[in-house]
Amino acid sequence: MTLIDTLFAAQDLSRVLVLAMLSGIGVMIGGKLAKGSWSFLHPLLPGGVSGAFAALAVLLTLPLGQSPLTRWTLTGLMLAGGLLLLIFNELGRYAKLRPDDDGPERCSDRPTLVRRISVSMASDILPYSVILGAAAAASATTAMAVSAALVFANLEIGRQAIDEYRSAQVSRMDQLALLVLFSLFFIGIALLTFWALHGFTDNGRGWLAAIIPGFLIVASARALLRMGTGSVAANHITLLAFVGGFALLGLAISALGELSRELDVSNSTFQHSPAQSVTTTKRTEKGGR
């Protein structure tokens, strides 16, 4: 058997690949929106993304009420998830700007400006891809919910990147190539994170499940703060978008949960099990012989 056959034998990594690809498509769609006549959606995206993250954080927190972890442990893990995103943001900021820089808006060197835009986009994508891989390591059902929210987040990232590349006078073909590279970057980091964490015990998966809501709550607040508009009308639009994103994602995930119960689909069907992976691999080897 080849290494690729071994990786995909249990079909767990293939599920993560599909989810990461679906989320990564958001980057491409966002670029298309920025090029088309969809400017009316631009003020709605940050609020919608924030609402989707908040709804997902609430829905993922509810099952933790039956968790064997203590209340203080859950609180600490959720705070750790929020701190994780803040660390990613700081690393991205230091990678984008050197201490003696005045900021990208004063940079007249085009290659340097393009580099900074690319580093900024990568620093936005990296934490989302890591959290998707961690969610998949905890449970595939959690990963499906997280990937649904990340489609909208990546859509906003792609739209913002195209706007900035356009202002830097990057050609359309180069813009498309960069978006494809960033989509592949998102998928690759998600897969690597999953593969690094896939051997966790049930207790370890419980810890991961508690970290993710804290990460999403801080990401929700960050999406709203990045608006930076003092207009009252813009704030009202953002509030409506937040409520809409919260309601739409919450209803969609609740509907999927009801559908799975009606179809009698057990959550254990989607759980990642290292023991099952080994069994499946052995069966595949016997079949190959």
Protein backbone atom coordinates (compact mmCIF):
# COMPACT_ATOMS: atom_id res chain seq x y z
CA MET A 1 0.00 0.00 0.00
CA THR A 2 1.14 3.54 -0.71
CA LEU A 3 1.18 6.32 1.88
CA ILE A 4 -1.88 7.92 0.24
CA ASP A 5 -3.79 4.61 0.47
CA THR A 6 -2.92 4.40 4.17
CA LEU A 7 -4.04 7.97 4.87
CA PHE A 8 -7.40 7.52 3.17
CA ALA A 9 -8.06 3.94 4.29
CA ALA A 10 -10.32 4.95 7.19
CA GLN A 11 -12.14 7.59 5.09
CA ASP A 12 -11.82 10.06 7.96
CA LEU A 13 -9.23 12.24 6.24
CA SER A 14 -11.25 12.16 3.03
CA ARG A 15 -14.22 13.63 4.90
CA VAL A 16 -12.03 16.43 6.23
CA LEU A 17 -10.72 17.03 2.70
CA VAL A 18 -14.25 17.45 1.34
CA LEU A 19 -15.24 19.82 4.16
CA ALA A 20 -12.06 21.87 3.76
CA MET A 21 -12.62 22.10 0.00
CA LEU A 22 -16.19 23.32 0.51
CA SER A 23 -15.01 25.96 2.98
CA GLY A 24 -12.11 26.95 0.75
CA ILE A 25 -14.52 27.60 -2.11
CA GLY A 26 -15.69 30.61 -0.08
CA VAL A 27 -12.40 32.35 -0.94
CA MET A 28 -13.09 31.97 -4.66
CA ILE A 29 -16.73 33.05 -4.35
CA GLY A 30 -15.66 36.11 -2.37
CA GLY A 31 -13.29 37.09 -5.14
CA LYS A 32 -16.08 36.76 -7.67
CA LEU A 33 -18.39 38.95 -5.57
CA ALA A 34 -15.74 41.65 -5.39
CA LYS A 35 -15.41 41.67 -9.19
CA GLY A 36 -19.16 41.67 -9.87
CA SER A 37 -21.91 44.16 -9.14
CA TRP A 38 -22.53 42.87 -5.61
CA SER A 39 -21.32 45.92 -3.71
CA PHE A 40 -24.56 46.01 -1.70
CA LEU A 41 -23.47 42.77 0.01
CA HIS A 42 -20.12 44.14 1.20
CA PRO A 43 -21.45 45.92 4.34
CA LEU A 44 -23.50 42.84 5.22
CA LEU A 45 -20.69 40.28 5.14
CA PRO A 46 -18.83 41.12 8.40
CA GLY A 47 -22.08 41.27 10.37
CA GLY A 48 -23.34 38.04 8.83
CA VAL A 49 -20.04 36.28 9.53
CA SER A 50 -20.10 37.50 13.13
CA GLY A 51 -23.68 36.29 13.60
CA ALA A 52 -22.86 32.89 12.10
CA PHE A 53 -19.88 32.48 14.43
CA ALA A 54 -21.96 33.49 17.46
CA ALA A 55 -24.75 31.03 16.56
CA LEU A 56 -22.23 28.25 16.07
CA ALA A 57 -20.55 29.02 19.40
CA VAL A 58 -23.93 28.80 21.17
CA LEU A 59 -24.88 25.53 19.46
CA LEU A 60 -21.50 23.95 20.21
CA THR A 61 -21.60 25.10 23.85
CA LEU A 62 -24.97 23.48 24.63
CA PRO A 63 -23.72 19.84 24.52
CA LEU A 64 -20.90 20.80 26.90
CA GLY A 65 -23.52 20.98 29.68
CA GLN A 66 -23.39 17.17 29.85
CA SER A 67 -19.60 17.12 29.59
CA PRO A 68 -17.60 15.35 32.34
CA LEU A 69 -15.31 18.41 32.47
CA THR A 70 -15.80 20.74 35.42
CA ARG A 71 -17.23 24.24 34.99
CA TRP A 72 -13.87 25.87 35.69
CA THR A 73 -12.14 23.61 33.19
CA LEU A 74 -14.69 24.46 30.50
CA THR A 75 -14.30 28.18 31.21
CA GLY A 76 -10.52 27.92 31.01
CA LEU A 77 -10.62 25.98 27.75
CA MET A 78 -13.00 28.47 26.16
CA LEU A 79 -10.73 31.32 27.23
CA ALA A 80 -7.81 29.39 25.74
CA GLY A 81 -9.69 29.18 22.45
CA GLY A 82 -10.18 32.95 22.39
CA LEU A 83 -6.53 33.48 23.31
CA LEU A 84 -5.52 31.20 20.43
CA LEU A 85 -7.16 33.52 17.90
CA LEU A 86 -5.57 36.61 19.49
CA ILE A 87 -2.14 34.95 19.23
CA PHE A 88 -2.73 34.19 15.55
CA ASN A 89 -3.73 37.82 14.98
CA GLU A 90 -0.60 39.16 16.66
CA LEU A 91 1.65 36.80 14.70
CA GLY A 92 0.00 37.89 11.47
CA ARG A 93 0.39 41.57 12.36
CA TYR A 94 4.11 41.22 13.10
CA ALA A 95 4.65 39.20 9.93
CA LYS A 96 2.87 41.81 7.83
CA LEU A 97 4.58 44.94 9.18
CA ARG A 98 8.11 45.46 10.41
CA PRO A 99 8.57 47.63 13.52
CA ASP A 100 9.99 50.53 11.47
CA ASP A 101 7.16 50.52 8.90
CA ASP A 102 4.62 53.30 8.69
CA GLY A 103 1.87 50.99 7.43
CA PRO A 104 0.77 49.52 4.09
CA GLU A 105 -1.14 52.65 3.13
CA ARG A 106 2.17 54.59 2.90
CA CYS A 107 4.04 51.93 0.98
CA SER A 108 4.85 52.95 -2.61
CA ASP A 109 6.79 49.78 -3.48
CA ARG A 110 4.29 47.58 -5.35
CA PRO A 111 5.93 44.15 -4.71
CA THR A 112 6.18 44.96 -1.00
CA LEU A 113 2.54 46.04 -0.92
CA VAL A 114 1.43 42.81 -2.64
CA ARG A 115 3.51 40.80 -0.17
CA ARG A 116 1.88 42.53 2.77
CA ILE A 117 -1.60 41.97 1.38
CA SER A 118 -0.79 38.27 0.86
CA VAL A 119 0.64 37.87 4.37
CA SER A 120 -2.42 39.61 5.80
CA MET A 121 -4.74 37.23 3.94
CA ALA A 122 -2.71 34.19 5.02
CA SER A 123 -2.85 35.33 8.66
CA ASP A 124 -6.65 35.61 8.36
CA ILE A 125 -7.02 32.16 6.79
CA LEU A 126 -4.57 30.28 9.04
CA PRO A 127 -6.57 30.29 12.32
CA TYR A 128 -9.78 29.27 10.53
CA SER A 129 -8.09 26.32 8.83
CA VAL A 130 -6.53 25.23 12.14
CA ILE A 131 -9.88 25.37 13.94
CA LEU A 132 -11.53 23.34 11.14
CA GLY A 133 -8.87 20.63 11.48
CA ALA A 134 -9.29 20.63 15.27
CA ALA A 135 -13.08 20.42 14.92
CA ALA A 136 -12.72 17.44 12.59
CA ALA A 137 -10.43 15.74 15.11
CA ALA A 138 -13.10 16.22 17.79
CA SER A 139 -16.05 15.04 15.70
CA ALA A 140 -17.04 15.09 12.03
CA THR A 141 -20.45 16.53 12.93
CA THR A 142 -18.70 19.44 14.65
CA ALA A 143 -16.48 19.84 11.60
CA MET A 144 -19.52 20.03 9.30
CA ALA A 145 -21.01 22.82 11.40
CA VAL A 146 -17.72 24.73 11.55
CA SER A 147 -17.10 24.35 7.81
CA ALA A 148 -20.54 25.81 7.07
CA ALA A 149 -19.68 28.96 9.03
CA LEU A 150 -16.20 29.19 7.51
CA VAL A 151 -17.66 29.36 3.99
CA PHE A 152 -18.99 32.82 4.88
CA ALA A 153 -15.80 33.84 6.66
CA ASN A 154 -13.66 32.86 3.67
CA LEU A 155 -16.09 34.66 1.39
CA GLU A 156 -15.37 37.90 3.25
CA ILE A 157 -11.61 37.22 3.20
CA GLY A 158 -11.65 36.60 -0.56
CA ARG A 159 -13.68 39.75 -1.23
CA GLN A 160 -11.35 41.91 0.85
CA ALA A 161 -8.24 40.40 -0.75
CA ILE A 162 -9.49 41.09 -4.29
CA ASP A 163 -10.30 44.70 -3.39
CA GLU A 164 -6.80 45.21 -1.99
CA TYR A 165 -5.07 43.43 -4.89
CA ARG A 166 -7.05 45.57 -7.31
CA SER A 167 -5.90 48.74 -5.53
CA ALA A 168 -2.31 47.44 -5.83
CA GLN A 169 -2.88 47.04 -9.61
CA VAL A 170 -2.40 43.27 -9.64
CA SER A 171 -3.56 41.66 -12.90
CA ARG A 172 -6.75 39.58 -12.94
CA MET A 173 -4.91 36.35 -13.74
CA ASP A 174 -2.53 36.92 -10.84
CA GLN A 175 -5.50 37.66 -8.56
CA LEU A 176 -7.14 34.36 -9.55
CA ALA A 177 -3.88 32.44 -9.09
CA LEU A 178 -3.39 33.93 -5.63
CA LEU A 179 -6.94 33.01 -4.59
CA VAL A 180 -6.37 29.42 -5.74
CA LEU A 181 -3.11 29.26 -3.78
CA PHE A 182 -4.81 30.57 -0.65
CA SER A 183 -7.63 28.04 -1.02
CA LEU A 184 -5.05 25.25 -1.25
CA PHE A 185 -3.24 26.74 1.75
CA PHE A 186 -6.48 26.65 3.75
CA ILE A 187 -7.16 23.02 2.79
CA GLY A 188 -3.60 21.90 3.50
CA ILE A 189 -3.42 23.45 6.98
CA ALA A 190 -6.81 21.95 7.90
CA LEU A 191 -5.64 18.47 6.84
CA LEU A 192 -2.32 18.78 8.66
CA THR A 193 -4.05 19.91 11.85
CA PHE A 194 -6.51 17.03 11.67
CA TRP A 195 -3.75 14.49 11.07
CA ALA A 196 -1.75 15.89 14.01
CA LEU A 197 -4.72 15.62 16.39
CA HIS A 198 -6.61 12.60 15.03
CA GLY A 199 -5.15 10.17 17.59
CA PHE A 200 -6.61 12.00 20.59
CA THR A 201 -8.52 10.01 23.18
CA ASP A 202 -12.17 10.72 23.98
CA ASN A 203 -11.03 13.00 26.80
CA GLY A 204 -8.80 14.93 24.39
CA ARG A 205 -11.66 15.38 21.95
CA GLY A 206 -13.76 16.80 24.77
CA TRP A 207 -11.07 19.39 25.42
CA LEU A 208 -10.99 20.32 21.72
CA ALA A 209 -14.77 20.66 21.66
CA ALA A 210 -14.55 23.15 24.56
CA ILE A 211 -11.80 25.25 22.95
CA ILE A 212 -13.68 25.82 19.68
CA PRO A 213 -16.62 27.93 21.05
CA GLY A 214 -14.21 30.35 22.77
CA PHE A 215 -12.33 30.75 19.50
CA LEU A 216 -15.56 31.46 17.62
CA ILE A 217 -16.81 34.03 20.15
CA VAL A 218 -13.62 36.08 19.83
CA ALA A 219 -13.74 35.67 16.03
CA SER A 220 -17.31 36.98 16.10
CA ALA A 221 -16.30 40.08 18.06
CA ARG A 222 -13.30 40.62 15.78
CA ALA A 223 -15.48 40.50 12.66
CA LEU A 224 -17.68 43.28 14.08
CA LEU A 225 -14.77 45.42 15.27
CA ARG A 226 -13.13 45.30 11.84
CA MET A 227 -16.05 47.24 10.39
CA GLY A 228 -14.66 50.46 11.88
CA THR A 229 -17.53 52.67 10.62
CA GLY A 230 -18.98 55.49 12.68
CA SER A 231 -22.14 55.71 10.60
CA VAL A 232 -25.35 54.99 12.50
CA ALA A 233 -26.97 53.61 9.34
CA ALA A 234 -24.01 51.27 8.80
CA ASN A 235 -24.28 50.09 12.41
CA HIS A 236 -27.96 49.30 11.92
CA ILE A 237 -27.17 47.34 8.75
CA THR A 238 -24.45 45.43 10.60
CA LEU A 239 -26.87 44.61 13.41
CA LEU A 240 -29.45 43.29 10.94
CA ALA A 241 -26.77 41.24 9.20
CA PHE A 242 -25.63 39.84 12.57
CA VAL A 243 -29.16 38.76 13.49
CA GLY A 244 -29.68 37.32 10.01
CA GLY A 245 -26.42 35.36 10.08
CA PHE A 246 -27.16 34.10 13.59
CA ALA A 247 -30.68 32.97 12.68
CA LEU A 248 -29.82 31.44 9.30
CA LEU A 249 -26.90 29.33 10.51
CA GLY A 250 -28.70 28.36 13.72
CA LEU A 251 -31.81 27.27 11.83
CA ALA A 252 -29.77 25.42 9.20
CA ILE A 253 -27.78 23.41 11.75
CA SER A 254 -30.89 22.72 13.85
CA ALA A 255 -32.68 21.50 10.72
CA LEU A 256 -29.77 19.20 9.89
CA GLY A 257 -29.89 17.84 13.44
CA GLU A 258 -33.62 17.13 13.18
CA LEU A 259 -33.11 15.50 9.78
CA SER A 260 -30.38 13.22 11.14
CA ARG A 261 -32.66 12.18 14.00
CA GLU A 262 -35.54 11.48 11.62
CA LEU A 263 -33.26 9.38 9.43
CA ASP A 264 -31.86 7.69 12.56
CA VAL A 265 -28.29 8.69 11.73
CA SER A 266 -26.19 8.22 14.85
CA ASN A 267 -23.50 10.74 15.70
CA SER A 268 -21.13 7.83 16.26
CA THR A 269 -21.27 7.18 12.52
CA PHE A 270 -19.25 10.34 12.00
CA GLN A 271 -16.94 10.03 14.99
CA HIS A 272 -13.27 9.49 14.29
CA SER A 273 -11.91 6.39 16.00
CA PRO A 274 -8.21 5.45 15.81
CA ALA A 275 -9.08 1.82 16.50
CA GLN A 276 -11.55 1.81 13.64
CA SER A 277 -8.89 3.33 11.40
CA VAL A 278 -6.49 0.48 12.16
CA THR A 279 -9.22 -2.12 11.53
CA THR A 280 -10.17 -0.54 8.23
CA THR A 281 -6.53 -0.37 7.17
CA LYS A 282 -6.03 -4.09 7.92
CA ARG A 283 -9.13 -4.99 5.94
CA THR A 284 -7.89 -2.95 3.00
CA GLU A 285 -4.52 -4.71 3.16
CA LYS A 286 -6.21 -8.13 3.16
CA GLY A 287 -8.36 -7.12 0.23
CA GLY A 288 -5.26 -5.99 -1.69
CA ARG A 289 -3.65 -9.39 -1.18
